[in-house]
PDB file of N, CA and C in Angstrom:
ATOM      1  N   UNK A   1       6.421   0.057  41.228  1.00  0.00           N
ATOM      2  CA  UNK A   1       6.126  -1.279  41.637  1.00  0.00           C
ATOM      3  C   UNK A   1       4.836  -1.309  42.463  1.00  0.00           C
ATOM      4  N   UNK A   2       4.643  -0.331  43.291  1.00  0.00           N
ATOM      5  CA  UNK A   2       3.422  -0.284  44.103  1.00  0.00           C
ATOM      6  C   UNK A   2       2.183  -0.219  43.217  1.00  0.00           C
ATOM      7  N   UNK A   3       2.258   0.560  42.144  1.00  0.00           N
ATOM      8  CA  UNK A   3       1.127   0.674  41.224  1.00  0.00           C
ATOM      9  C   UNK A   3       0.835  -0.669  40.565  1.00  0.00           C
ATOM     10  N   UNK A   4       1.866  -1.388  40.170  1.00  0.00           N
ATOM     11  CA  UNK A   4       1.694  -2.704  39.560  1.00  0.00           C
ATOM     12  C   UNK A   4       1.009  -3.668  40.533  1.00  0.00           C
ATOM     13  N   UNK A   5       1.424  -3.663  41.763  1.00  0.00           N
ATOM     14  CA  UNK A   5       0.820  -4.518  42.781  1.00  0.00           C
ATOM     15  C   UNK A   5      -0.664  -4.184  42.948  1.00  0.00           C
ATOM     16  N   UNK A   6      -0.994  -2.919  42.952  1.00  0.00           N
ATOM     17  CA  UNK A   6      -2.389  -2.513  43.070  1.00  0.00           C
ATOM     18  C   UNK A   6      -3.218  -2.972  41.875  1.00  0.00           C
ATOM     19  N   UNK A   7      -2.678  -2.816  40.671  1.00  0.00           N
ATOM     20  CA  UNK A   7      -3.398  -3.268  39.479  1.00  0.00           C
ATOM     21  C   UNK A   7      -3.666  -4.766  39.545  1.00  0.00           C
ATOM     22  N   UNK A   8      -2.686  -5.527  39.978  1.00  0.00           N
ATOM     23  CA  UNK A   8      -2.857  -6.978  40.085  1.00  0.00           C
ATOM     24  C   UNK A   8      -3.914  -7.320  41.129  1.00  0.00           C
ATOM     25  N   UNK A   9      -3.864  -6.673  42.266  1.00  0.00           N
ATOM     26  CA  UNK A   9      -4.838  -6.937  43.326  1.00  0.00           C
ATOM     27  C   UNK A   9      -6.260  -6.603  42.885  1.00  0.00           C
ATOM     28  N   UNK A  10      -6.409  -5.540  42.092  1.00  0.00           N
ATOM     29  CA  UNK A  10      -7.728  -5.071  41.676  1.00  0.00           C
ATOM     30  C   UNK A  10      -8.265  -5.788  40.436  1.00  0.00           C
ATOM     31  N   UNK A  11      -7.429  -6.528  39.748  1.00  0.00           N
ATOM     32  CA  UNK A  11      -7.870  -7.136  38.488  1.00  0.00           C
ATOM     33  C   UNK A  11      -8.709  -8.393  38.718  1.00  0.00           C
ATOM     34  N   UNK A  12      -9.645  -8.628  37.814  1.00  0.00           N
ATOM     35  CA  UNK A  12     -10.465  -9.837  37.855  1.00  0.00           C
ATOM     36  C   UNK A  12      -9.753 -10.988  37.149  1.00  0.00           C
ATOM     37  N   UNK A  13      -8.921 -10.656  36.170  1.00  0.00           N
ATOM     38  CA  UNK A  13      -8.125 -11.660  35.469  1.00  0.00           C
ATOM     39  C   UNK A  13      -6.866 -10.985  34.939  1.00  0.00           C
ATOM     40  N   UNK A  14      -5.910 -11.821  34.534  1.00  0.00           N
ATOM     41  CA  UNK A  14      -4.636 -11.263  34.113  1.00  0.00           C
ATOM     42  C   UNK A  14      -4.015 -12.171  33.055  1.00  0.00           C
ATOM     43  N   UNK A  15      -3.305 -11.589  32.115  1.00  0.00           N
ATOM     44  CA  UNK A  15      -2.553 -12.320  31.112  1.00  0.00           C
ATOM     45  C   UNK A  15      -1.087 -11.940  31.290  1.00  0.00           C
ATOM     46  N   UNK A  16      -0.219 -12.936  31.266  1.00  0.00           N
ATOM     47  CA  UNK A  16       1.213 -12.695  31.410  1.00  0.00           C
ATOM     48  C   UNK A  16       1.921 -13.230  30.172  1.00  0.00           C
ATOM     49  N   UNK A  17       2.645 -12.392  29.488  1.00  0.00           N
ATOM     50  CA  UNK A  17       3.434 -12.806  28.338  1.00  0.00           C
ATOM     51  C   UNK A  17       4.844 -13.097  28.830  1.00  0.00           C
ATOM     52  N   UNK A  18       5.316 -14.301  28.578  1.00  0.00           N
ATOM     53  CA  UNK A  18       6.645 -14.690  29.025  1.00  0.00           C
ATOM     54  C   UNK A  18       7.525 -15.006  27.832  1.00  0.00           C
ATOM     55  N   UNK A  19       8.775 -15.154  28.082  1.00  0.00           N
ATOM     56  CA  UNK A  19       9.722 -15.478  27.029  1.00  0.00           C
ATOM     57  C   UNK A  19      10.132 -16.945  27.077  1.00  0.00           C
ATOM     58  N   UNK A  20      11.170 -17.255  26.350  1.00  0.00           N
ATOM     59  CA  UNK A  20      11.677 -18.620  26.298  1.00  0.00           C
ATOM     60  C   UNK A  20      12.178 -19.054  27.673  1.00  0.00           C
ATOM     61  N   UNK A  21      12.111 -20.348  27.901  1.00  0.00           N
ATOM     62  CA  UNK A  21      12.638 -20.882  29.146  1.00  0.00           C
ATOM     63  C   UNK A  21      11.589 -21.181  30.192  1.00  0.00           C
ATOM     64  N   UNK A  22      10.353 -20.873  29.924  1.00  0.00           N
ATOM     65  CA  UNK A  22       9.304 -21.180  30.889  1.00  0.00           C
ATOM     66  C   UNK A  22       9.046 -22.682  30.875  1.00  0.00           C
ATOM     67  N   UNK A  23       9.023 -23.295  32.027  1.00  0.00           N
ATOM     68  CA  UNK A  23       8.786 -24.739  32.132  1.00  0.00           C
ATOM     69  C   UNK A  23       7.323 -24.985  32.452  1.00  0.00           C
ATOM     70  N   UNK A  24       6.495 -24.933  31.432  1.00  0.00           N
ATOM     71  CA  UNK A  24       5.057 -25.068  31.643  1.00  0.00           C
ATOM     72  C   UNK A  24       4.517 -26.398  31.154  1.00  0.00           C
ATOM     73  N   UNK A  25       5.329 -27.147  30.421  1.00  0.00           N
ATOM     74  CA  UNK A  25       4.854 -28.391  29.853  1.00  0.00           C
ATOM     75  C   UNK A  25       4.211 -28.218  28.486  1.00  0.00           C
ATOM     76  N   UNK A  26       4.036 -26.973  28.059  1.00  0.00           N
ATOM     77  CA  UNK A  26       3.491 -26.720  26.722  1.00  0.00           C
ATOM     78  C   UNK A  26       4.570 -26.987  25.682  1.00  0.00           C
ATOM     79  N   UNK A  27       4.217 -27.579  24.558  1.00  0.00           N
ATOM     80  CA  UNK A  27       5.234 -27.831  23.528  1.00  0.00           C
ATOM     81  C   UNK A  27       5.735 -26.527  22.928  1.00  0.00           C
ATOM     82  N   UNK A  28       7.010 -26.509  22.590  1.00  0.00           N
ATOM     83  CA  UNK A  28       7.569 -25.321  21.951  1.00  0.00           C
ATOM     84  C   UNK A  28       7.426 -25.463  20.436  1.00  0.00           C
ATOM     85  N   UNK A  29       8.038 -24.579  19.702  1.00  0.00           N
ATOM     86  CA  UNK A  29       7.921 -24.595  18.251  1.00  0.00           C
ATOM     87  C   UNK A  29       9.125 -25.196  17.557  1.00  0.00           C
ATOM     88  N   UNK A  30      10.345 -24.852  17.994  1.00  0.00           N
ATOM     89  CA  UNK A  30      11.525 -25.111  17.176  1.00  0.00           C
ATOM     90  C   UNK A  30      12.399 -26.280  17.590  1.00  0.00           C
ATOM     91  N   UNK A  31      12.146 -26.937  18.694  1.00  0.00           N
ATOM     92  CA  UNK A  31      13.007 -28.046  19.090  1.00  0.00           C
ATOM     93  C   UNK A  31      12.738 -29.278  18.231  1.00  0.00           C
ATOM     94  N   UNK A  32      13.496 -30.348  18.462  1.00  0.00           N
ATOM     95  CA  UNK A  32      13.322 -31.579  17.686  1.00  0.00           C
ATOM     96  C   UNK A  32      11.934 -32.185  17.865  1.00  0.00           C
ATOM     97  N   UNK A  33      11.293 -31.900  19.002  1.00  0.00           N
ATOM     98  CA  UNK A  33       9.944 -32.426  19.246  1.00  0.00           C
ATOM     99  C   UNK A  33       8.888 -31.324  19.198  1.00  0.00           C
ATOM    100  N   UNK A  34       9.270 -30.142  18.741  1.00  0.00           N
ATOM    101  CA  UNK A  34       8.376 -28.985  18.719  1.00  0.00           C
ATOM    102  C   UNK A  34       7.278 -29.077  17.676  1.00  0.00           C
ATOM    103  N   UNK A  35       6.331 -28.164  17.772  1.00  0.00           N
ATOM    104  CA  UNK A  35       5.185 -28.134  16.859  1.00  0.00           C
ATOM    105  C   UNK A  35       5.586 -27.908  15.404  1.00  0.00           C
ATOM    106  N   UNK A  36       6.726 -27.248  15.169  1.00  0.00           N
ATOM    107  CA  UNK A  36       7.136 -26.938  13.808  1.00  0.00           C
ATOM    108  C   UNK A  36       8.146 -27.934  13.262  1.00  0.00           C
ATOM    109  N   UNK A  37       8.336 -29.082  13.912  1.00  0.00           N
ATOM    110  CA  UNK A  37       9.328 -30.056  13.443  1.00  0.00           C
ATOM    111  C   UNK A  37       8.997 -30.465  12.000  1.00  0.00           C
ATOM    112  N   UNK A  38      10.015 -30.489  11.172  1.00  0.00           N
ATOM    113  CA  UNK A  38       9.840 -30.877   9.784  1.00  0.00           C
ATOM    114  C   UNK A  38       9.144 -29.844   8.921  1.00  0.00           C
ATOM    115  N   UNK A  39       8.924 -28.652   9.436  1.00  0.00           N
ATOM    116  CA  UNK A  39       8.245 -27.596   8.685  1.00  0.00           C
ATOM    117  C   UNK A  39       9.218 -26.448   8.410  1.00  0.00           C
ATOM    118  N   UNK A  40       8.932 -25.675   7.416  1.00  0.00           N
ATOM    119  CA  UNK A  40       9.724 -24.487   7.101  1.00  0.00           C
ATOM    120  C   UNK A  40       9.202 -23.317   7.943  1.00  0.00           C
ATOM    121  N   UNK A  41       9.978 -22.866   8.958  1.00  0.00           N
ATOM    122  CA  UNK A  41       9.480 -21.797   9.822  1.00  0.00           C
ATOM    123  C   UNK A  41       9.202 -20.494   9.075  1.00  0.00           C
ATOM    124  N   UNK A  42       9.898 -20.246   7.963  1.00  0.00           N
ATOM    125  CA  UNK A  42       9.643 -19.028   7.196  1.00  0.00           C
ATOM    126  C   UNK A  42       8.263 -19.092   6.528  1.00  0.00           C
ATOM    127  N   UNK A  43       7.787 -20.280   6.240  1.00  0.00           N
ATOM    128  CA  UNK A  43       6.462 -20.427   5.659  1.00  0.00           C
ATOM    129  C   UNK A  43       5.393 -20.293   6.738  1.00  0.00           C
ATOM    130  N   UNK A  44       5.694 -20.785   7.950  1.00  0.00           N
ATOM    131  CA  UNK A  44       4.704 -20.790   9.017  1.00  0.00           C
ATOM    132  C   UNK A  44       4.631 -19.468   9.774  1.00  0.00           C
ATOM    133  N   UNK A  45       5.779 -18.847  10.034  1.00  0.00           N
ATOM    134  CA  UNK A  45       5.819 -17.607  10.813  1.00  0.00           C
ATOM    135  C   UNK A  45       5.531 -16.425   9.909  1.00  0.00           C
ATOM    136  N   UNK A  46       4.318 -16.345   9.473  1.00  0.00           N
ATOM    137  CA  UNK A  46       3.922 -15.351   8.500  1.00  0.00           C
ATOM    138  C   UNK A  46       2.584 -14.765   8.949  1.00  0.00           C
ATOM    139  N   UNK A  47       2.465 -13.451   9.030  1.00  0.00           N
ATOM    140  CA  UNK A  47       1.210 -12.857   9.511  1.00  0.00           C
ATOM    141  C   UNK A  47      -0.007 -13.216   8.654  1.00  0.00           C
ATOM    142  N   UNK A  48       0.217 -13.612   7.417  1.00  0.00           N
ATOM    143  CA  UNK A  48      -0.910 -14.005   6.555  1.00  0.00           C
ATOM    144  C   UNK A  48      -1.315 -15.461   6.777  1.00  0.00           C
ATOM    145  N   UNK A  49      -0.565 -16.185   7.610  1.00  0.00           N
ATOM    146  CA  UNK A  49      -0.840 -17.594   7.851  1.00  0.00           C
ATOM    147  C   UNK A  49      -1.400 -17.796   9.252  1.00  0.00           C
ATOM    148  N   UNK A  50      -2.526 -17.228   9.535  1.00  0.00           N
ATOM    149  CA  UNK A  50      -3.149 -17.387  10.854  1.00  0.00           C
ATOM    150  C   UNK A  50      -3.598 -18.825  11.072  1.00  0.00           C
ATOM    151  N   UNK A  51      -3.631 -19.623  10.021  1.00  0.00           N
ATOM    152  CA  UNK A  51      -4.067 -21.013  10.131  1.00  0.00           C
ATOM    153  C   UNK A  51      -2.897 -21.986  10.291  1.00  0.00           C
ATOM    154  N   UNK A  52      -1.709 -21.502  10.655  1.00  0.00           N
ATOM    155  CA  UNK A  52      -0.522 -22.372  10.706  1.00  0.00           C
ATOM    156  C   UNK A  52      -0.691 -23.560  11.624  1.00  0.00           C
ATOM    157  N   UNK A  53      -1.376 -23.417  12.733  1.00  0.00           N
ATOM    158  CA  UNK A  53      -1.499 -24.527  13.675  1.00  0.00           C
ATOM    159  C   UNK A  53      -2.247 -25.690  13.044  1.00  0.00           C
ATOM    160  N   UNK A  54      -3.329 -25.407  12.365  1.00  0.00           N
ATOM    161  CA  UNK A  54      -4.066 -26.456  11.668  1.00  0.00           C
ATOM    162  C   UNK A  54      -3.248 -27.097  10.569  1.00  0.00           C
ATOM    163  N   UNK A  55      -2.458 -26.291   9.881  1.00  0.00           N
ATOM    164  CA  UNK A  55      -1.615 -26.814   8.810  1.00  0.00           C
ATOM    165  C   UNK A  55      -0.567 -27.783   9.348  1.00  0.00           C
ATOM    166  N   UNK A  56      -0.031 -27.483  10.519  1.00  0.00           N
ATOM    167  CA  UNK A  56       1.005 -28.346  11.093  1.00  0.00           C
ATOM    168  C   UNK A  56       0.403 -29.590  11.703  1.00  0.00           C
ATOM    169  N   UNK A  57      -0.684 -29.461  12.414  1.00  0.00           N
ATOM    170  CA  UNK A  57      -1.251 -30.594  13.122  1.00  0.00           C
ATOM    171  C   UNK A  57      -1.977 -31.560  12.201  1.00  0.00           C
ATOM    172  N   UNK A  58      -2.349 -31.127  11.010  1.00  0.00           N
ATOM    173  CA  UNK A  58      -3.060 -32.022  10.102  1.00  0.00           C
ATOM    174  C   UNK A  58      -2.125 -32.760   9.170  1.00  0.00           C
ATOM    175  N   UNK A  59      -0.820 -32.459   9.209  1.00  0.00           N
ATOM    176  CA  UNK A  59       0.119 -33.117   8.302  1.00  0.00           C
ATOM    177  C   UNK A  59       0.646 -34.411   8.886  1.00  0.00           C
TER     178      UNK A  59
END
């Protein structure tokens, strides 16, 4: 833990990956009001579909 604290103190910037349940105000994917509403998640959650966001937002 001490090493982690030192890395954070010494860093110029930091990225934190979090899981479900974060209350950030960002829209989620799978809820009734999520970004993927009305879409087939198996079609969108595909490594070959890096353009999924544009596909969803333009429909």
